[in-house]
Amino acid sequence: MDISKEIIEDQSNRLREASITCSNNCRYITFALLAVIWGLYCKVEPSMYSNLYVLLGMLIIYLIIDTLQYLIPTILHRSDLSKLRKGKFRVNVPKIYNEDSTNDAIRKTLIERINQISKITYDLFIFKIILLLTVSILIILFIINMGSEIQKFVK
């Protein structure tokens, strides 16, 4: 393995570990926000439930996207591996046929496929982070608004 491949592989592993750490932390935040919503649900008047349901729905969507972020690549990689083993993986083989050119064509096709799957995973990751930030901001605004409603009641 040459040095450039080692550097790329090392960087890829570091990014993967950082992504997993970030996803775990986001999951912890999501469950904490679910607990906050549950606490607010017990404290607010029924007229405010619809706002909490929207926030709860957004967190559920977050958890679904979080699952899809890992499920989709797993399914696609398994499908590609199965096709490769059965000899049904589509590869553009050069017109000059020899074993090295076929292996290079397979390698190039697999790298392109991995890049496509990585883009899907990255897009889901970014969408997930944006959704979590949005829900966090909305919960903070809801709590601030709830505080002003309580002050109106007290007066």
C-alpha atoms as a PDB file:
ATOM      1  CA  MET A   1       0.000   0.000   0.000  1.00  0.00           C
ATOM      2  CA  ASP A   2       1.502   3.339  -0.959  1.00  0.00           C
ATOM      3  CA  ILE A   3       1.683   6.350   1.345  1.00  0.00           C
ATOM      4  CA  SER A   4      -1.150   8.287  -0.334  1.00  0.00           C
ATOM      5  CA  LYS A   5      -3.565   5.386   0.157  1.00  0.00           C
ATOM      6  CA  GLU A   6      -2.505   5.091   3.812  1.00  0.00           C
ATOM      7  CA  ILE A   7      -3.074   8.820   4.366  1.00  0.00           C
ATOM      8  CA  ILE A   8      -6.495   8.683   2.684  1.00  0.00           C
ATOM      9  CA  GLU A   9      -7.488   5.595   4.666  1.00  0.00           C
ATOM     10  CA  ASP A  10      -6.291   7.157   7.942  1.00  0.00           C
ATOM     11  CA  GLN A  11      -8.216  10.360   7.219  1.00  0.00           C
ATOM     12  CA  SER A  12     -11.292   8.341   6.292  1.00  0.00           C
ATOM     13  CA  ASN A  13     -11.111   6.426   9.580  1.00  0.00           C
ATOM     14  CA  ARG A  14     -10.727   9.657  11.565  1.00  0.00           C
ATOM     15  CA  LEU A  15     -13.728  11.229   9.825  1.00  0.00           C
ATOM     16  CA  ARG A  16     -15.782   8.082  10.427  1.00  0.00           C
ATOM     17  CA  GLU A  17     -14.913   8.108  14.139  1.00  0.00           C
ATOM     18  CA  ALA A  18     -15.747  11.829  14.399  1.00  0.00           C
ATOM     19  CA  SER A  19     -19.062  11.239  12.630  1.00  0.00           C
ATOM     20  CA  ILE A  20     -19.934   8.400  15.003  1.00  0.00           C
ATOM     21  CA  THR A  21     -19.034  10.549  18.027  1.00  0.00           C
ATOM     22  CA  CYS A  22     -21.109  13.442  16.704  1.00  0.00           C
ATOM     23  CA  SER A  23     -24.059  11.135  15.968  1.00  0.00           C
ATOM     24  CA  ASN A  24     -23.885   9.647  19.472  1.00  0.00           C
ATOM     25  CA  ASN A  25     -23.826  13.112  21.041  1.00  0.00           C
ATOM     26  CA  CYS A  26     -26.737  14.220  18.859  1.00  0.00           C
ATOM     27  CA  ARG A  27     -28.686  11.138  19.971  1.00  0.00           C
ATOM     28  CA  TYR A  28     -28.049  12.055  23.610  1.00  0.00           C
ATOM     29  CA  ILE A  29     -29.250  15.596  22.912  1.00  0.00           C
ATOM     30  CA  THR A  30     -32.339  14.226  21.166  1.00  0.00           C
ATOM     31  CA  PHE A  31     -33.288  12.060  24.127  1.00  0.00           C
ATOM     32  CA  ALA A  32     -32.654  14.995  26.481  1.00  0.00           C
ATOM     33  CA  LEU A  33     -34.941  17.146  24.326  1.00  0.00           C
ATOM     34  CA  LEU A  34     -37.568  14.405  24.420  1.00  0.00           C
ATOM     35  CA  ALA A  35     -37.347  14.544  28.219  1.00  0.00           C
ATOM     36  CA  VAL A  36     -37.722  18.341  28.130  1.00  0.00           C
ATOM     37  CA  ILE A  37     -40.800  18.007  25.906  1.00  0.00           C
ATOM     38  CA  TRP A  38     -42.241  15.418  28.284  1.00  0.00           C
ATOM     39  CA  GLY A  39     -41.625  17.774  31.222  1.00  0.00           C
ATOM     40  CA  LEU A  40     -43.216  20.676  29.358  1.00  0.00           C
ATOM     41  CA  TYR A  41     -46.172  18.500  28.390  1.00  0.00           C
ATOM     42  CA  CYS A  42     -46.880  17.912  32.073  1.00  0.00           C
ATOM     43  CA  LYS A  43     -46.645  21.666  32.855  1.00  0.00           C
ATOM     44  CA  VAL A  44     -48.396  23.477  30.022  1.00  0.00           C
ATOM     45  CA  GLU A  45     -52.044  24.003  29.329  1.00  0.00           C
ATOM     46  CA  PRO A  46     -53.776  21.748  26.792  1.00  0.00           C
ATOM     47  CA  SER A  47     -54.003  24.645  24.323  1.00  0.00           C
ATOM     48  CA  MET A  48     -50.215  24.487  23.924  1.00  0.00           C
ATOM     49  CA  TYR A  49     -50.053  20.726  23.275  1.00  0.00           C
ATOM     50  CA  SER A  50     -50.096  21.143  19.489  1.00  0.00           C
ATOM     51  CA  ASN A  51     -46.786  23.038  19.608  1.00  0.00           C
ATOM     52  CA  LEU A  52     -45.247  20.226  21.635  1.00  0.00           C
ATOM     53  CA  TYR A  53     -46.596  17.623  19.217  1.00  0.00           C
ATOM     54  CA  VAL A  54     -44.854  19.402  16.336  1.00  0.00           C
ATOM     55  CA  LEU A  55     -41.558  19.412  18.250  1.00  0.00           C
ATOM     56  CA  LEU A  56     -42.049  15.778  19.204  1.00  0.00           C
ATOM     57  CA  GLY A  57     -42.757  14.891  15.577  1.00  0.00           C
ATOM     58  CA  MET A  58     -39.586  16.665  14.466  1.00  0.00           C
ATOM     59  CA  LEU A  59     -37.529  14.675  16.983  1.00  0.00           C
ATOM     60  CA  ILE A  60     -39.110  11.441  15.795  1.00  0.00           C
ATOM     61  CA  ILE A  61     -38.214  12.401  12.218  1.00  0.00           C
ATOM     62  CA  TYR A  62     -34.670  13.043  13.440  1.00  0.00           C
ATOM     63  CA  LEU A  63     -34.476   9.541  14.917  1.00  0.00           C
ATOM     64  CA  ILE A  64     -35.817   8.035  11.682  1.00  0.00           C
ATOM     65  CA  ILE A  65     -33.210   9.903   9.619  1.00  0.00           C
ATOM     66  CA  ASP A  66     -30.544   8.825  12.111  1.00  0.00           C
ATOM     67  CA  THR A  67     -31.528   5.216  11.529  1.00  0.00           C
ATOM     68  CA  LEU A  68     -31.634   5.668   7.747  1.00  0.00           C
ATOM     69  CA  GLN A  69     -28.174   7.243   7.777  1.00  0.00           C
ATOM     70  CA  TYR A  70     -26.742   3.895   8.853  1.00  0.00           C
ATOM     71  CA  LEU A  71     -29.313   1.544   7.318  1.00  0.00           C
ATOM     72  CA  ILE A  72     -29.185   2.787   3.715  1.00  0.00           C
ATOM     73  CA  PRO A  73     -25.395   2.437   3.272  1.00  0.00           C
ATOM     74  CA  THR A  74     -25.466  -0.982   4.921  1.00  0.00           C
ATOM     75  CA  ILE A  75     -28.161  -2.224   2.558  1.00  0.00           C
ATOM     76  CA  LEU A  76     -26.465  -0.730  -0.509  1.00  0.00           C
ATOM     77  CA  HIS A  77     -23.027  -2.109   0.416  1.00  0.00           C
ATOM     78  CA  ARG A  78     -24.496  -5.568   1.075  1.00  0.00           C
ATOM     79  CA  SER A  79     -26.325  -5.435  -2.255  1.00  0.00           C
ATOM     80  CA  ASP A  80     -23.143  -4.457  -4.099  1.00  0.00           C
ATOM     81  CA  LEU A  81     -21.169  -7.180  -2.348  1.00  0.00           C
ATOM     82  CA  SER A  82     -23.815  -9.771  -3.207  1.00  0.00           C
ATOM     83  CA  LYS A  83     -23.843  -8.669  -6.872  1.00  0.00           C
ATOM     84  CA  LEU A  84     -20.052  -8.760  -6.979  1.00  0.00           C
ATOM     85  CA  ARG A  85     -19.973 -12.295  -5.582  1.00  0.00           C
ATOM     86  CA  LYS A  86     -22.615 -13.484  -8.062  1.00  0.00           C
ATOM     87  CA  GLY A  87     -20.844 -11.788 -10.961  1.00  0.00           C
ATOM     88  CA  LYS A  88     -23.787  -9.468 -11.638  1.00  0.00           C
ATOM     89  CA  PHE A  89     -22.026  -6.230 -10.662  1.00  0.00           C
ATOM     90  CA  ARG A  90     -22.090  -3.860 -13.645  1.00  0.00           C
ATOM     91  CA  VAL A  91     -18.616  -2.796 -14.652  1.00  0.00           C
ATOM     92  CA  ASN A  92     -17.466  -0.973 -17.759  1.00  0.00           C
ATOM     93  CA  VAL A  93     -14.687  -3.274 -18.939  1.00  0.00           C
ATOM     94  CA  PRO A  94     -12.227  -1.756 -21.422  1.00  0.00           C
ATOM     95  CA  LYS A  95     -12.263  -3.062 -24.998  1.00  0.00           C
ATOM     96  CA  ILE A  96      -8.731  -4.404 -24.579  1.00  0.00           C
ATOM     97  CA  TYR A  97      -9.495  -7.280 -22.259  1.00  0.00           C
ATOM     98  CA  ASN A  98      -7.016  -8.553 -19.740  1.00  0.00           C
ATOM     99  CA  GLU A  99      -7.224  -9.393 -16.050  1.00  0.00           C
ATOM    100  CA  ASP A 100      -5.504  -6.205 -14.842  1.00  0.00           C
ATOM    101  CA  SER A 101      -7.800  -3.919 -16.824  1.00  0.00           C
ATOM    102  CA  THR A 102     -10.848  -5.800 -15.501  1.00  0.00           C
ATOM    103  CA  ASN A 103      -9.630  -5.502 -11.908  1.00  0.00           C
ATOM    104  CA  ASP A 104      -8.946  -1.793 -12.409  1.00  0.00           C
ATOM    105  CA  ALA A 105     -12.414  -1.330 -13.892  1.00  0.00           C
ATOM    106  CA  ILE A 106     -14.009  -3.148 -10.939  1.00  0.00           C
ATOM    107  CA  ARG A 107     -11.944  -1.108  -8.472  1.00  0.00           C
ATOM    108  CA  LYS A 108     -12.884   2.167 -10.199  1.00  0.00           C
ATOM    109  CA  THR A 109     -16.577   1.240 -10.285  1.00  0.00           C
ATOM    110  CA  LEU A 110     -16.540   0.246  -6.613  1.00  0.00           C
ATOM    111  CA  ILE A 111     -14.845   3.507  -5.628  1.00  0.00           C
ATOM    112  CA  GLU A 112     -17.453   5.494  -7.576  1.00  0.00           C
ATOM    113  CA  ARG A 113     -20.234   3.525  -5.868  1.00  0.00           C
ATOM    114  CA  ILE A 114     -18.698   4.066  -2.411  1.00  0.00           C
ATOM    115  CA  ASN A 115     -18.481   7.797  -3.144  1.00  0.00           C
ATOM    116  CA  GLN A 116     -22.168   7.859  -4.122  1.00  0.00           C
ATOM    117  CA  ILE A 117     -23.156   6.073  -0.921  1.00  0.00           C
ATOM    118  CA  SER A 118     -20.922   8.369   1.146  1.00  0.00           C
ATOM    119  CA  LYS A 119     -22.660  11.397  -0.367  1.00  0.00           C
ATOM    120  CA  ILE A 120     -26.065  10.018   0.626  1.00  0.00           C
ATOM    121  CA  THR A 121     -24.795   9.405   4.158  1.00  0.00           C
ATOM    122  CA  TYR A 122     -23.250  12.877   4.352  1.00  0.00           C
ATOM    123  CA  ASP A 123     -26.444  14.563   3.106  1.00  0.00           C
ATOM    124  CA  LEU A 124     -28.531  12.711   5.697  1.00  0.00           C
ATOM    125  CA  PHE A 125     -26.009  13.652   8.394  1.00  0.00           C
ATOM    126  CA  ILE A 126     -26.156  17.366   7.502  1.00  0.00           C
ATOM    127  CA  PHE A 127     -29.966  17.326   7.310  1.00  0.00           C
ATOM    128  CA  LYS A 128     -30.086  15.575  10.678  1.00  0.00           C
ATOM    129  CA  ILE A 129     -27.846  18.197  12.320  1.00  0.00           C
ATOM    130  CA  ILE A 130     -29.894  21.066  10.857  1.00  0.00           C
ATOM    131  CA  LEU A 131     -33.113  19.442  12.074  1.00  0.00           C
ATOM    132  CA  LEU A 132     -31.712  18.974  15.585  1.00  0.00           C
ATOM    133  CA  LEU A 133     -30.533  22.590  15.752  1.00  0.00           C
ATOM    134  CA  THR A 134     -33.946  23.775  14.549  1.00  0.00           C
ATOM    135  CA  VAL A 135     -35.779  21.722  17.177  1.00  0.00           C
ATOM    136  CA  SER A 136     -33.415  22.938  19.899  1.00  0.00           C
ATOM    137  CA  ILE A 137     -34.012  26.569  18.958  1.00  0.00           C
ATOM    138  CA  LEU A 138     -37.784  26.031  18.781  1.00  0.00           C
ATOM    139  CA  ILE A 139     -37.824  24.426  22.234  1.00  0.00           C
ATOM    140  CA  ILE A 140     -35.864  27.348  23.663  1.00  0.00           C
ATOM    141  CA  LEU A 141     -38.306  29.780  22.050  1.00  0.00           C
ATOM    142  CA  PHE A 142     -41.229  27.728  23.360  1.00  0.00           C
ATOM    143  CA  ILE A 143     -39.837  27.869  26.908  1.00  0.00           C
ATOM    144  CA  ILE A 144     -39.260  31.632  26.631  1.00  0.00           C
ATOM    145  CA  ASN A 145     -42.813  32.082  25.310  1.00  0.00           C
ATOM    146  CA  MET A 146     -44.168  29.844  28.062  1.00  0.00           C
ATOM    147  CA  GLY A 147     -42.411  32.048  30.633  1.00  0.00           C
ATOM    148  CA  SER A 148     -44.107  35.162  29.237  1.00  0.00           C
ATOM    149  CA  GLU A 149     -47.488  33.369  29.306  1.00  0.00           C
ATOM    150  CA  ILE A 150     -46.962  32.469  32.960  1.00  0.00           C
ATOM    151  CA  GLN A 151     -46.102  36.096  33.763  1.00  0.00           C
ATOM    152  CA  LYS A 152     -49.371  37.200  32.124  1.00  0.00           C
ATOM    153  CA  PHE A 153     -51.244  34.728  34.321  1.00  0.00           C
ATOM    154  CA  VAL A 154     -49.562  35.980  37.487  1.00  0.00           C
ATOM    155  CA  LYS A 155     -50.451  39.611  36.768  1.00  0.00           C
END
